[in-house]
Amino acid sequence: MIGIDVGGANLKVVDNDGVHIHYCPLWQEAPIQELLSPYAGSENAAVVMSGELADCFSSKQEGIGFIVSEVQAVFPDAIFYGMDGKFHTSAVPELAAANWLAMADMLKSRYPDAVLVDMGSTTTDIIPLNAFDSMIGQTDLTRLQQGYLVYCGLLRTNVATLIHSANVNGINTPVSTEYFASTGDVYVALNRIEETLFSADTADRKGTDRTSCLRRLARVVCADLEEIGESGALDVARSVYNVQMNLITNAVQKVVQSHNAEKVISVGIGSGLVAEWTGGRDLSAELGEYTDAMPAYAVKEKATSLSDVDFL
């Protein structure tokens, strides 16, 4: 049994050899079958998804159907975890964006008094594990409305969606709303992540080295790097960093307080930052590489203990 998480930007696989992350944007021609074929020797696959929201599909249901069809072409007997907390074998609506629930399902008994925060490349999920039963059936829409989903992440978020201005070399400066830079540029520029972790497409499809990141950040205020210098580009980066930190921290605190949780645990590629911001516990120390692919790991673990109640 392997675990598969089909996201909008990444295809993540967990097997007996560990974690395998493939950049696979669904808004382009996604080679899902090609990427999964090397794993076809496995007995079967348990799958979660969130890629059905990609705007190449006219509806979530079309996206679900595409993903199920692609996976079943390689794993005909694949099972798919839904937001009803059960496994399915066909493209039912319940499969939409159930990856966060699979994580909660696996961790709820281990950390019953915790709020789980998964900061990925695109989004941040905030899940009160002591309220698992009430979370079943939640959609991305309802989670956005109730503060359980913050739609920004470590790498792919357009910085202009987070800030309206930045204090650039001492002058308050409005920003352009063009897609000139992303949060990945911010974290590389501030030396918070290595450039090798910037695994998403950049705004200009150029390098992920620090100088390239600084150049893109300068563009956010309609400037060249030579015009405002590294100090000006870093001013933009710090503005984005502070806003994102406060946005996620405040959202986590609200969920902690409303559910009387005792601790925060974090996973995902931004797990270390979340732990730093919230004073929580980064699970990467005990789960290692699996923290970067928790939904795939969780659905694999869940599938190994299937009962008739879990399966439809």
C-alpha atoms as a PDB file:
ATOM      1  CA  MET A   1       0.000   0.000   0.000  1.00  0.00           C
ATOM      2  CA  ILE A   2       1.247   3.471  -0.872  1.00  0.00           C
ATOM      3  CA  GLY A   3      -0.247   6.833   0.040  1.00  0.00           C
ATOM      4  CA  ILE A   4      -0.850   9.489  -2.614  1.00  0.00           C
ATOM      5  CA  ASP A   5      -1.763  13.159  -2.191  1.00  0.00           C
ATOM      6  CA  VAL A   6      -2.745  14.890  -5.442  1.00  0.00           C
ATOM      7  CA  GLY A   7      -2.523  18.637  -4.850  1.00  0.00           C
ATOM      8  CA  GLY A   8      -2.878  21.521  -7.239  1.00  0.00           C
ATOM      9  CA  ALA A   9       0.887  22.000  -7.441  1.00  0.00           C
ATOM     10  CA  ASN A  10       2.520  18.857  -6.057  1.00  0.00           C
ATOM     11  CA  LEU A  11       2.014  15.105  -6.274  1.00  0.00           C
ATOM     12  CA  LYS A  12       3.223  13.456  -3.057  1.00  0.00           C
ATOM     13  CA  VAL A  13       3.783   9.734  -2.622  1.00  0.00           C
ATOM     14  CA  VAL A  14       4.651   7.829   0.534  1.00  0.00           C
ATOM     15  CA  ASP A  15       5.807   4.228   0.202  1.00  0.00           C
ATOM     16  CA  ASN A  16       8.058   1.867   2.137  1.00  0.00           C
ATOM     17  CA  ASP A  17      11.110   3.763   0.855  1.00  0.00           C
ATOM     18  CA  GLY A  18       9.949   7.109   2.228  1.00  0.00           C
ATOM     19  CA  VAL A  19       8.575  10.356   0.789  1.00  0.00           C
ATOM     20  CA  HIS A  20       8.625  11.321  -2.887  1.00  0.00           C
ATOM     21  CA  ILE A  21       7.463  14.824  -3.902  1.00  0.00           C
ATOM     22  CA  HIS A  22       6.909  15.612  -7.575  1.00  0.00           C
ATOM     23  CA  TYR A  23       6.154  19.115  -8.828  1.00  0.00           C
ATOM     24  CA  CYS A  24       3.019  18.565 -10.904  1.00  0.00           C
ATOM     25  CA  PRO A  25       0.888  21.687 -11.499  1.00  0.00           C
ATOM     26  CA  LEU A  26      -2.591  20.630 -12.554  1.00  0.00           C
ATOM     27  CA  TRP A  27      -3.218  23.853 -14.456  1.00  0.00           C
ATOM     28  CA  GLN A  28      -0.701  22.589 -17.003  1.00  0.00           C
ATOM     29  CA  GLU A  29      -0.866  19.210 -18.707  1.00  0.00           C
ATOM     30  CA  ALA A  30      -0.339  17.110 -15.606  1.00  0.00           C
ATOM     31  CA  PRO A  31       1.615  13.861 -16.160  1.00  0.00           C
ATOM     32  CA  ILE A  32      -0.007  12.089 -13.208  1.00  0.00           C
ATOM     33  CA  GLN A  33       0.056   8.641 -14.825  1.00  0.00           C
ATOM     34  CA  GLU A  34       3.673   9.067 -15.861  1.00  0.00           C
ATOM     35  CA  LEU A  35       4.727  10.116 -12.365  1.00  0.00           C
ATOM     36  CA  LEU A  36       2.805   7.289 -10.676  1.00  0.00           C
ATOM     37  CA  SER A  37       3.916   4.533 -13.048  1.00  0.00           C
ATOM     38  CA  PRO A  38       7.204   3.804 -11.199  1.00  0.00           C
ATOM     39  CA  TYR A  39       5.136   2.935  -8.103  1.00  0.00           C
ATOM     40  CA  ALA A  40       2.833   0.538  -9.955  1.00  0.00           C
ATOM     41  CA  GLY A  41       4.519  -2.492  -8.407  1.00  0.00           C
ATOM     42  CA  SER A  42       2.881  -1.645  -5.089  1.00  0.00           C
ATOM     43  CA  GLU A  43      -0.132  -3.696  -4.096  1.00  0.00           C
ATOM     44  CA  ASN A  44      -2.547  -0.757  -4.082  1.00  0.00           C
ATOM     45  CA  ALA A  45      -2.877   2.964  -3.420  1.00  0.00           C
ATOM     46  CA  ALA A  46      -4.815   5.043  -0.902  1.00  0.00           C
ATOM     47  CA  VAL A  47      -5.419   8.572  -2.173  1.00  0.00           C
ATOM     48  CA  VAL A  48      -6.393  12.044  -1.001  1.00  0.00           C
ATOM     49  CA  MET A  49      -6.670  15.153  -3.115  1.00  0.00           C
ATOM     50  CA  SER A  50      -7.018  18.924  -3.171  1.00  0.00           C
ATOM     51  CA  GLY A  51      -6.105  19.508  -6.805  1.00  0.00           C
ATOM     52  CA  GLU A  52      -9.722  19.397  -7.923  1.00  0.00           C
ATOM     53  CA  LEU A  53      -9.885  23.167  -7.232  1.00  0.00           C
ATOM     54  CA  ALA A  54      -7.385  23.982 -10.009  1.00  0.00           C
ATOM     55  CA  ASP A  55      -8.968  26.440 -12.409  1.00  0.00           C
ATOM     56  CA  CYS A  56      -8.238  24.271 -15.441  1.00  0.00           C
ATOM     57  CA  PHE A  57     -11.410  22.430 -14.377  1.00  0.00           C
ATOM     58  CA  SER A  58     -14.845  23.983 -14.836  1.00  0.00           C
ATOM     59  CA  SER A  59     -15.982  22.518 -11.507  1.00  0.00           C
ATOM     60  CA  LYS A  60     -14.660  20.587  -8.534  1.00  0.00           C
ATOM     61  CA  GLN A  61     -16.508  17.508  -9.752  1.00  0.00           C
ATOM     62  CA  GLU A  62     -14.722  17.646 -13.101  1.00  0.00           C
ATOM     63  CA  GLY A  63     -11.426  17.866 -11.223  1.00  0.00           C
ATOM     64  CA  ILE A  64     -12.327  14.926  -8.988  1.00  0.00           C
ATOM     65  CA  GLY A  65     -13.237  12.839 -12.016  1.00  0.00           C
ATOM     66  CA  PHE A  66      -9.965  13.674 -13.750  1.00  0.00           C
ATOM     67  CA  ILE A  67      -7.819  12.827 -10.723  1.00  0.00           C
ATOM     68  CA  VAL A  68      -9.652   9.565 -10.004  1.00  0.00           C
ATOM     69  CA  SER A  69      -9.376   8.522 -13.647  1.00  0.00           C
ATOM     70  CA  GLU A  70      -5.648   9.286 -13.793  1.00  0.00           C
ATOM     71  CA  VAL A  71      -4.877   7.390 -10.588  1.00  0.00           C
ATOM     72  CA  GLN A  72      -7.055   4.403 -11.521  1.00  0.00           C
ATOM     73  CA  ALA A  73      -5.242   4.103 -14.853  1.00  0.00           C
ATOM     74  CA  VAL A  74      -2.180   3.081 -12.814  1.00  0.00           C
ATOM     75  CA  PHE A  75      -3.912   1.626  -9.734  1.00  0.00           C
ATOM     76  CA  PRO A  76      -7.284   0.190 -10.865  1.00  0.00           C
ATOM     77  CA  ASP A  77      -8.256  -0.745  -7.293  1.00  0.00           C
ATOM     78  CA  ALA A  78      -7.203   2.532  -5.689  1.00  0.00           C
ATOM     79  CA  ILE A  79      -9.263   3.785  -2.749  1.00  0.00           C
ATOM     80  CA  PHE A  80      -9.956   7.460  -2.117  1.00  0.00           C
ATOM     81  CA  TYR A  81     -10.461   9.111   1.283  1.00  0.00           C
ATOM     82  CA  GLY A  82     -13.369  11.550   1.496  1.00  0.00           C
ATOM     83  CA  MET A  83     -14.428  14.416   3.739  1.00  0.00           C
ATOM     84  CA  ASP A  84     -17.013  12.047   5.227  1.00  0.00           C
ATOM     85  CA  GLY A  85     -14.101  10.158   6.817  1.00  0.00           C
ATOM     86  CA  LYS A  86     -14.630   7.084   4.612  1.00  0.00           C
ATOM     87  CA  PHE A  87     -12.930   5.501   1.621  1.00  0.00           C
ATOM     88  CA  HIS A  88     -14.535   5.412  -1.830  1.00  0.00           C
ATOM     89  CA  THR A  89     -13.775   3.740  -5.141  1.00  0.00           C
ATOM     90  CA  SER A  90     -15.486   6.204  -7.489  1.00  0.00           C
ATOM     91  CA  ALA A  91     -15.415   9.942  -8.187  1.00  0.00           C
ATOM     92  CA  VAL A  92     -17.940  11.073  -5.572  1.00  0.00           C
ATOM     93  CA  PRO A  93     -18.201  14.738  -4.443  1.00  0.00           C
ATOM     94  CA  GLU A  94     -16.995  13.804  -0.952  1.00  0.00           C
ATOM     95  CA  LEU A  95     -13.438  13.429  -2.285  1.00  0.00           C
ATOM     96  CA  ALA A  96     -12.961  17.194  -2.676  1.00  0.00           C
ATOM     97  CA  ALA A  97     -10.142  18.555  -0.493  1.00  0.00           C
ATOM     98  CA  ALA A  98     -10.205  15.829   2.154  1.00  0.00           C
ATOM     99  CA  ASN A  99      -6.436  15.728   2.614  1.00  0.00           C
ATOM    100  CA  TRP A 100      -6.524  17.760   5.840  1.00  0.00           C
ATOM    101  CA  LEU A 101      -9.159  15.453   7.353  1.00  0.00           C
ATOM    102  CA  ALA A 102      -6.995  12.383   6.697  1.00  0.00           C
ATOM    103  CA  MET A 103      -4.234  13.981   8.776  1.00  0.00           C
ATOM    104  CA  ALA A 104      -6.631  14.770  11.592  1.00  0.00           C
ATOM    105  CA  ASP A 105      -8.052  11.249  11.458  1.00  0.00           C
ATOM    106  CA  MET A 106      -4.602   9.763  12.004  1.00  0.00           C
ATOM    107  CA  LEU A 107      -3.425  12.186  14.695  1.00  0.00           C
ATOM    108  CA  LYS A 108      -6.601  12.785  16.731  1.00  0.00           C
ATOM    109  CA  SER A 109      -6.015   9.949  19.191  1.00  0.00           C
ATOM    110  CA  ARG A 110      -2.313  10.708  19.568  1.00  0.00           C
ATOM    111  CA  TYR A 111      -2.782  14.440  20.250  1.00  0.00           C
ATOM    112  CA  PRO A 112      -6.408  14.828  21.419  1.00  0.00           C
ATOM    113  CA  ASP A 113      -5.836  18.198  23.089  1.00  0.00           C
ATOM    114  CA  ALA A 114      -3.986  19.865  20.199  1.00  0.00           C
ATOM    115  CA  VAL A 115      -4.658  22.119  17.253  1.00  0.00           C
ATOM    116  CA  LEU A 116      -2.908  20.756  14.163  1.00  0.00           C
ATOM    117  CA  VAL A 117      -1.437  23.352  11.781  1.00  0.00           C
ATOM    118  CA  ASP A 118      -0.235  22.277   8.347  1.00  0.00           C
ATOM    119  CA  MET A 119       1.584  25.086   6.526  1.00  0.00           C
ATOM    120  CA  GLY A 120       2.272  23.987   2.984  1.00  0.00           C
ATOM    121  CA  SER A 121       3.483  25.755  -0.133  1.00  0.00           C
ATOM    122  CA  THR A 122       0.039  27.200  -0.902  1.00  0.00           C
ATOM    123  CA  THR A 123      -2.282  27.064   2.108  1.00  0.00           C
ATOM    124  CA  THR A 124      -2.339  26.680   5.879  1.00  0.00           C
ATOM    125  CA  ASP A 125      -4.808  24.258   7.499  1.00  0.00           C
ATOM    126  CA  ILE A 126      -5.800  24.787  11.142  1.00  0.00           C
ATOM    127  CA  ILE A 127      -7.538  21.742  12.624  1.00  0.00           C
ATOM    128  CA  PRO A 128      -8.814  21.325  16.201  1.00  0.00           C
ATOM    129  CA  LEU A 129      -8.260  17.623  16.842  1.00  0.00           C
ATOM    130  CA  ASN A 130     -10.636  17.601  19.815  1.00  0.00           C
ATOM    131  CA  ALA A 131     -13.455  18.553  17.442  1.00  0.00           C
ATOM    132  CA  PHE A 132     -12.842  15.910  14.777  1.00  0.00           C
ATOM    133  CA  ASP A 133     -16.471  14.742  14.589  1.00  0.00           C
ATOM    134  CA  SER A 134     -17.691  18.278  13.909  1.00  0.00           C
ATOM    135  CA  MET A 135     -15.026  18.760  11.234  1.00  0.00           C
ATOM    136  CA  ILE A 136     -16.309  15.847   9.130  1.00  0.00           C
ATOM    137  CA  GLY A 137     -18.037  17.186   6.040  1.00  0.00           C
ATOM    138  CA  GLN A 138     -16.332  20.580   6.129  1.00  0.00           C
ATOM    139  CA  THR A 139     -15.507  21.985   2.698  1.00  0.00           C
ATOM    140  CA  ASP A 140     -12.840  24.509   1.744  1.00  0.00           C
ATOM    141  CA  LEU A 141     -15.609  27.121   1.661  1.00  0.00           C
ATOM    142  CA  THR A 142     -16.862  26.429   5.168  1.00  0.00           C
ATOM    143  CA  ARG A 143     -13.329  26.153   6.527  1.00  0.00           C
ATOM    144  CA  LEU A 144     -12.460  29.544   5.042  1.00  0.00           C
ATOM    145  CA  GLN A 145     -15.606  30.995   6.579  1.00  0.00           C
ATOM    146  CA  GLN A 146     -14.852  29.543  10.021  1.00  0.00           C
ATOM    147  CA  GLY A 147     -11.120  30.266  10.139  1.00  0.00           C
ATOM    148  CA  TYR A 148      -9.857  26.707   9.692  1.00  0.00           C
ATOM    149  CA  LEU A 149      -8.228  27.455   6.334  1.00  0.00           C
ATOM    150  CA  VAL A 150      -5.894  30.387   5.700  1.00  0.00           C
ATOM    151  CA  TYR A 151      -5.201  30.629   2.009  1.00  0.00           C
ATOM    152  CA  CYS A 152      -1.531  31.511   2.071  1.00  0.00           C
ATOM    153  CA  GLY A 153       1.565  29.357   2.269  1.00  0.00           C
ATOM    154  CA  LEU A 154       5.331  29.256   2.356  1.00  0.00           C
ATOM    155  CA  LEU A 155       6.113  29.424  -1.372  1.00  0.00           C
ATOM    156  CA  ARG A 156       3.310  30.188  -3.812  1.00  0.00           C
ATOM    157  CA  THR A 157       1.340  33.109  -2.364  1.00  0.00           C
ATOM    158  CA  ASN A 158       1.398  36.347  -4.384  1.00  0.00           C
ATOM    159  CA  VAL A 159       2.902  38.901  -1.988  1.00  0.00           C
ATOM    160  CA  ALA A 160       0.498  41.581  -3.256  1.00  0.00           C
ATOM    161  CA  THR A 161      -2.375  39.628  -1.680  1.00  0.00           C
ATOM    162  CA  LEU A 162      -0.746  40.094   1.738  1.00  0.00           C
ATOM    163  CA  ILE A 163       0.457  43.703   1.763  1.00  0.00           C
ATOM    164  CA  HIS A 164      -0.803  46.972   0.305  1.00  0.00           C
ATOM    165  CA  SER A 165       2.365  48.955   1.027  1.00  0.00           C
ATOM    166  CA  ALA A 166       5.871  48.626   2.421  1.00  0.00           C
ATOM    167  CA  ASN A 167       8.224  51.041   4.158  1.00  0.00           C
ATOM    168  CA  VAL A 168      10.963  51.054   1.531  1.00  0.00           C
ATOM    169  CA  ASN A 169      14.153  52.776   2.641  1.00  0.00           C
ATOM    170  CA  GLY A 170      12.127  54.924   5.019  1.00  0.00           C
ATOM    171  CA  ILE A 171       9.321  55.846   2.611  1.00  0.00           C
ATOM    172  CA  ASN A 172       5.852  54.301   2.787  1.00  0.00           C
ATOM    173  CA  THR A 173       5.350  52.849  -0.691  1.00  0.00           C
ATOM    174  CA  PRO A 174       2.215  51.280  -2.196  1.00  0.00           C
ATOM    175  CA  VAL A 175       2.794  47.975  -3.960  1.00  0.00           C
ATOM    176  CA  SER A 176       1.828  46.825  -7.421  1.00  0.00           C
ATOM    177  CA  THR A 177      -0.930  44.229  -7.600  1.00  0.00           C
ATOM    178  CA  GLU A 178       0.827  42.430 -10.447  1.00  0.00           C
ATOM    179  CA  TYR A 179       2.155  38.960  -9.721  1.00  0.00           C
ATOM    180  CA  PHE A 180       5.791  39.986  -9.445  1.00  0.00           C
ATOM    181  CA  ALA A 181       6.896  37.928  -6.419  1.00  0.00           C
ATOM    182  CA  SER A 182       5.730  35.165  -4.111  1.00  0.00           C
ATOM    183  CA  THR A 183       6.289  34.208  -0.506  1.00  0.00           C
ATOM    184  CA  GLY A 184       9.059  31.834  -1.569  1.00  0.00           C
ATOM    185  CA  ASP A 185      11.049  34.919  -2.590  1.00  0.00           C
ATOM    186  CA  VAL A 186      10.486  36.382   0.869  1.00  0.00           C
ATOM    187  CA  TYR A 187      11.794  33.376   2.777  1.00  0.00           C
ATOM    188  CA  VAL A 188      14.840  32.878   0.551  1.00  0.00           C
ATOM    189  CA  ALA A 189      15.682  36.606   0.670  1.00  0.00           C
ATOM    190  CA  LEU A 190      15.444  36.609   4.459  1.00  0.00           C
ATOM    191  CA  ASN A 191      17.552  33.426   4.670  1.00  0.00           C
ATOM    192  CA  ARG A 192      14.723  31.542   6.364  1.00  0.00           C
ATOM    193  CA  ILE A 193      14.784  28.701   3.827  1.00  0.00           C
ATOM    194  CA  GLU A 194      17.383  27.314   1.438  1.00  0.00           C
ATOM    195  CA  GLU A 195      16.794  28.059  -2.217  1.00  0.00           C
ATOM    196  CA  THR A 196      16.534  24.304  -2.870  1.00  0.00           C
ATOM    197  CA  LEU A 197      13.273  24.327  -0.866  1.00  0.00           C
ATOM    198  CA  PHE A 198      11.773  26.892  -3.269  1.00  0.00           C
ATOM    199  CA  SER A 199      10.263  24.120  -5.377  1.00  0.00           C
ATOM    200  CA  ALA A 200       7.418  26.081  -6.996  1.00  0.00           C
ATOM    201  CA  ASP A 201       7.479  28.095 -10.203  1.00  0.00           C
ATOM    202  CA  THR A 202       8.701  31.644  -9.619  1.00  0.00           C
ATOM    203  CA  ALA A 203       6.675  34.620 -10.824  1.00  0.00           C
ATOM    204  CA  ASP A 204       9.043  35.267 -13.741  1.00  0.00           C
ATOM    205  CA  ARG A 205       9.980  31.579 -14.250  1.00  0.00           C
ATOM    206  CA  LYS A 206      13.613  32.457 -13.477  1.00  0.00           C
ATOM    207  CA  GLY A 207      16.011  31.357 -10.741  1.00  0.00           C
ATOM    208  CA  THR A 208      15.397  30.710  -7.047  1.00  0.00           C
ATOM    209  CA  ASP A 209      18.796  32.028  -5.954  1.00  0.00           C
ATOM    210  CA  ARG A 210      18.736  34.884  -3.451  1.00  0.00           C
ATOM    211  CA  THR A 211      19.619  37.614  -5.988  1.00  0.00           C
ATOM    212  CA  SER A 212      16.770  36.547  -8.285  1.00  0.00           C
ATOM    213  CA  CYS A 213      14.408  36.621  -5.309  1.00  0.00           C
ATOM    214  CA  LEU A 214      15.544  40.122  -4.367  1.00  0.00           C
ATOM    215  CA  ARG A 215      15.014  41.305  -7.954  1.00  0.00           C
ATOM    216  CA  ARG A 216      11.444  40.021  -7.940  1.00  0.00           C
ATOM    217  CA  LEU A 217      10.753  41.680  -4.586  1.00  0.00           C
ATOM    218  CA  ALA A 218      12.013  45.000  -5.980  1.00  0.00           C
ATOM    219  CA  ARG A 219       9.502  44.657  -8.812  1.00  0.00           C
ATOM    220  CA  VAL A 220       6.684  44.604  -6.240  1.00  0.00           C
ATOM    221  CA  VAL A 221       7.247  48.351  -5.736  1.00  0.00           C
ATOM    222  CA  CYS A 222       7.851  48.902  -9.470  1.00  0.00           C
ATOM    223  CA  ALA A 223      11.602  49.172  -9.037  1.00  0.00           C
ATOM    224  CA  ASP A 224      14.812  47.475 -10.061  1.00  0.00           C
ATOM    225  CA  LEU A 225      17.098  45.988  -7.444  1.00  0.00           C
ATOM    226  CA  GLU A 226      19.761  48.507  -8.492  1.00  0.00           C
ATOM    227  CA  GLU A 227      17.254  51.294  -7.856  1.00  0.00           C
ATOM    228  CA  ILE A 228      16.298  50.477  -4.256  1.00  0.00           C
ATOM    229  CA  GLY A 229      19.199  48.238  -3.303  1.00  0.00           C
ATOM    230  CA  GLU A 230      19.139  45.067  -1.253  1.00  0.00           C
ATOM    231  CA  SER A 231      17.943  47.072   1.748  1.00  0.00           C
ATOM    232  CA  GLY A 232      14.801  48.197  -0.100  1.00  0.00           C
ATOM    233  CA  ALA A 233      13.998  44.716  -1.365  1.00  0.00           C
ATOM    234  CA  LEU A 234      14.460  43.351   2.151  1.00  0.00           C
ATOM    235  CA  ASP A 235      12.070  46.014   3.446  1.00  0.00           C
ATOM    236  CA  VAL A 236       9.428  44.520   1.137  1.00  0.00           C
ATOM    237  CA  ALA A 237      10.299  41.016   2.313  1.00  0.00           C
ATOM    238  CA  ARG A 238      10.054  41.940   5.995  1.00  0.00           C
ATOM    239  CA  SER A 239       6.669  43.590   5.444  1.00  0.00           C
ATOM    240  CA  VAL A 240       5.292  40.419   3.856  1.00  0.00           C
ATOM    241  CA  TYR A 241       6.863  38.197   6.520  1.00  0.00           C
ATOM    242  CA  ASN A 242       5.351  40.186   9.389  1.00  0.00           C
ATOM    243  CA  VAL A 243       1.885  40.271   7.844  1.00  0.00           C
ATOM    244  CA  GLN A 244       1.879  36.542   7.106  1.00  0.00           C
ATOM    245  CA  MET A 245       3.208  35.692  10.558  1.00  0.00           C
ATOM    246  CA  ASN A 246       0.487  37.761  12.230  1.00  0.00           C
ATOM    247  CA  LEU A 247      -2.234  36.432   9.922  1.00  0.00           C
ATOM    248  CA  ILE A 248      -1.449  32.784  10.640  1.00  0.00           C
ATOM    249  CA  THR A 249      -0.659  33.284  14.337  1.00  0.00           C
ATOM    250  CA  ASN A 250      -3.925  35.145  14.974  1.00  0.00           C
ATOM    251  CA  ALA A 251      -5.931  32.502  13.113  1.00  0.00           C
ATOM    252  CA  VAL A 252      -4.303  29.704  15.127  1.00  0.00           C
ATOM    253  CA  GLN A 253      -4.898  31.500  18.428  1.00  0.00           C
ATOM    254  CA  LYS A 254      -8.595  31.935  17.628  1.00  0.00           C
ATOM    255  CA  VAL A 255      -9.018  28.215  16.976  1.00  0.00           C
ATOM    256  CA  VAL A 256      -7.025  27.296  20.093  1.00  0.00           C
ATOM    257  CA  GLN A 257      -9.193  29.548  22.253  1.00  0.00           C
ATOM    258  CA  SER A 258     -12.536  28.606  20.713  1.00  0.00           C
ATOM    259  CA  HIS A 259     -11.839  24.882  21.192  1.00  0.00           C
ATOM    260  CA  ASN A 260     -10.030  25.097  24.556  1.00  0.00           C
ATOM    261  CA  ALA A 261      -7.010  23.328  23.099  1.00  0.00           C
ATOM    262  CA  GLU A 262      -3.879  22.942  25.196  1.00  0.00           C
ATOM    263  CA  LYS A 263      -1.181  22.918  22.547  1.00  0.00           C
ATOM    264  CA  VAL A 264      -0.305  23.543  18.900  1.00  0.00           C
ATOM    265  CA  ILE A 265       1.416  20.926  16.746  1.00  0.00           C
ATOM    266  CA  SER A 266       2.689  21.670  13.250  1.00  0.00           C
ATOM    267  CA  VAL A 267       3.512  19.800  10.053  1.00  0.00           C
ATOM    268  CA  GLY A 268       4.214  20.753   6.444  1.00  0.00           C
ATOM    269  CA  ILE A 269       7.157  22.532   4.879  1.00  0.00           C
ATOM    270  CA  GLY A 270       6.448  25.550   7.090  1.00  0.00           C
ATOM    271  CA  SER A 271       6.143  23.535  10.306  1.00  0.00           C
ATOM    272  CA  GLY A 272       9.256  25.057  11.847  1.00  0.00           C
ATOM    273  CA  LEU A 273       8.006  28.589  11.270  1.00  0.00           C
ATOM    274  CA  VAL A 274       4.580  27.791  12.714  1.00  0.00           C
ATOM    275  CA  ALA A 275       6.168  26.301  15.828  1.00  0.00           C
ATOM    276  CA  GLU A 276       8.358  29.390  16.184  1.00  0.00           C
ATOM    277  CA  TRP A 277       5.448  31.805  15.743  1.00  0.00           C
ATOM    278  CA  THR A 278       2.984  30.007  18.013  1.00  0.00           C
ATOM    279  CA  GLY A 279       5.270  28.419  20.586  1.00  0.00           C
ATOM    280  CA  GLY A 280       4.012  25.062  19.353  1.00  0.00           C
ATOM    281  CA  ARG A 281       5.625  21.709  18.667  1.00  0.00           C
ATOM    282  CA  ASP A 282       7.143  20.927  15.284  1.00  0.00           C
ATOM    283  CA  LEU A 283       6.375  17.264  14.582  1.00  0.00           C
ATOM    284  CA  SER A 284       9.282  16.944  12.157  1.00  0.00           C
ATOM    285  CA  ALA A 285      11.478  15.948  15.099  1.00  0.00           C
ATOM    286  CA  GLU A 286       9.497  12.732  15.539  1.00  0.00           C
ATOM    287  CA  LEU A 287       8.014  12.165  12.097  1.00  0.00           C
ATOM    288  CA  GLY A 288      10.996  13.247  10.016  1.00  0.00           C
ATOM    289  CA  GLU A 289      10.408  13.600   6.282  1.00  0.00           C
ATOM    290  CA  TYR A 290       6.774  12.512   6.625  1.00  0.00           C
ATOM    291  CA  THR A 291       5.857  15.964   7.968  1.00  0.00           C
ATOM    292  CA  ASP A 292       6.320  17.382   4.451  1.00  0.00           C
ATOM    293  CA  ALA A 293       3.800  14.889   3.038  1.00  0.00           C
ATOM    294  CA  MET A 294       1.472  14.276   5.949  1.00  0.00           C
ATOM    295  CA  PRO A 295      -1.782  13.706   4.004  1.00  0.00           C
ATOM    296  CA  ALA A 296      -0.124  10.996   1.881  1.00  0.00           C
ATOM    297  CA  TYR A 297       1.409   9.417   4.982  1.00  0.00           C
ATOM    298  CA  ALA A 298      -1.861   9.671   6.917  1.00  0.00           C
ATOM    299  CA  VAL A 299      -4.030   8.111   4.199  1.00  0.00           C
ATOM    300  CA  LYS A 300      -1.556   5.249   3.851  1.00  0.00           C
ATOM    301  CA  GLU A 301      -1.650   4.604   7.608  1.00  0.00           C
ATOM    302  CA  LYS A 302      -5.445   4.906   7.718  1.00  0.00           C
ATOM    303  CA  ALA A 303      -5.861   2.461   4.839  1.00  0.00           C
ATOM    304  CA  THR A 304      -3.885  -0.231   6.614  1.00  0.00           C
ATOM    305  CA  SER A 305      -6.522  -0.388   9.369  1.00  0.00           C
ATOM    306  CA  LEU A 306      -9.642  -0.375   7.217  1.00  0.00           C
ATOM    307  CA  SER A 307     -12.939  -1.726   8.505  1.00  0.00           C
ATOM    308  CA  ASP A 308     -16.290  -2.070   6.779  1.00  0.00           C
ATOM    309  CA  VAL A 309     -17.417   1.164   8.456  1.00  0.00           C
ATOM    310  CA  ASP A 310     -14.579   3.097   6.777  1.00  0.00           C
ATOM    311  CA  PHE A 311     -15.343   1.871   3.260  1.00  0.00           C
ATOM    312  CA  LEU A 312     -18.076   2.781   0.772  1.00  0.00           C
END
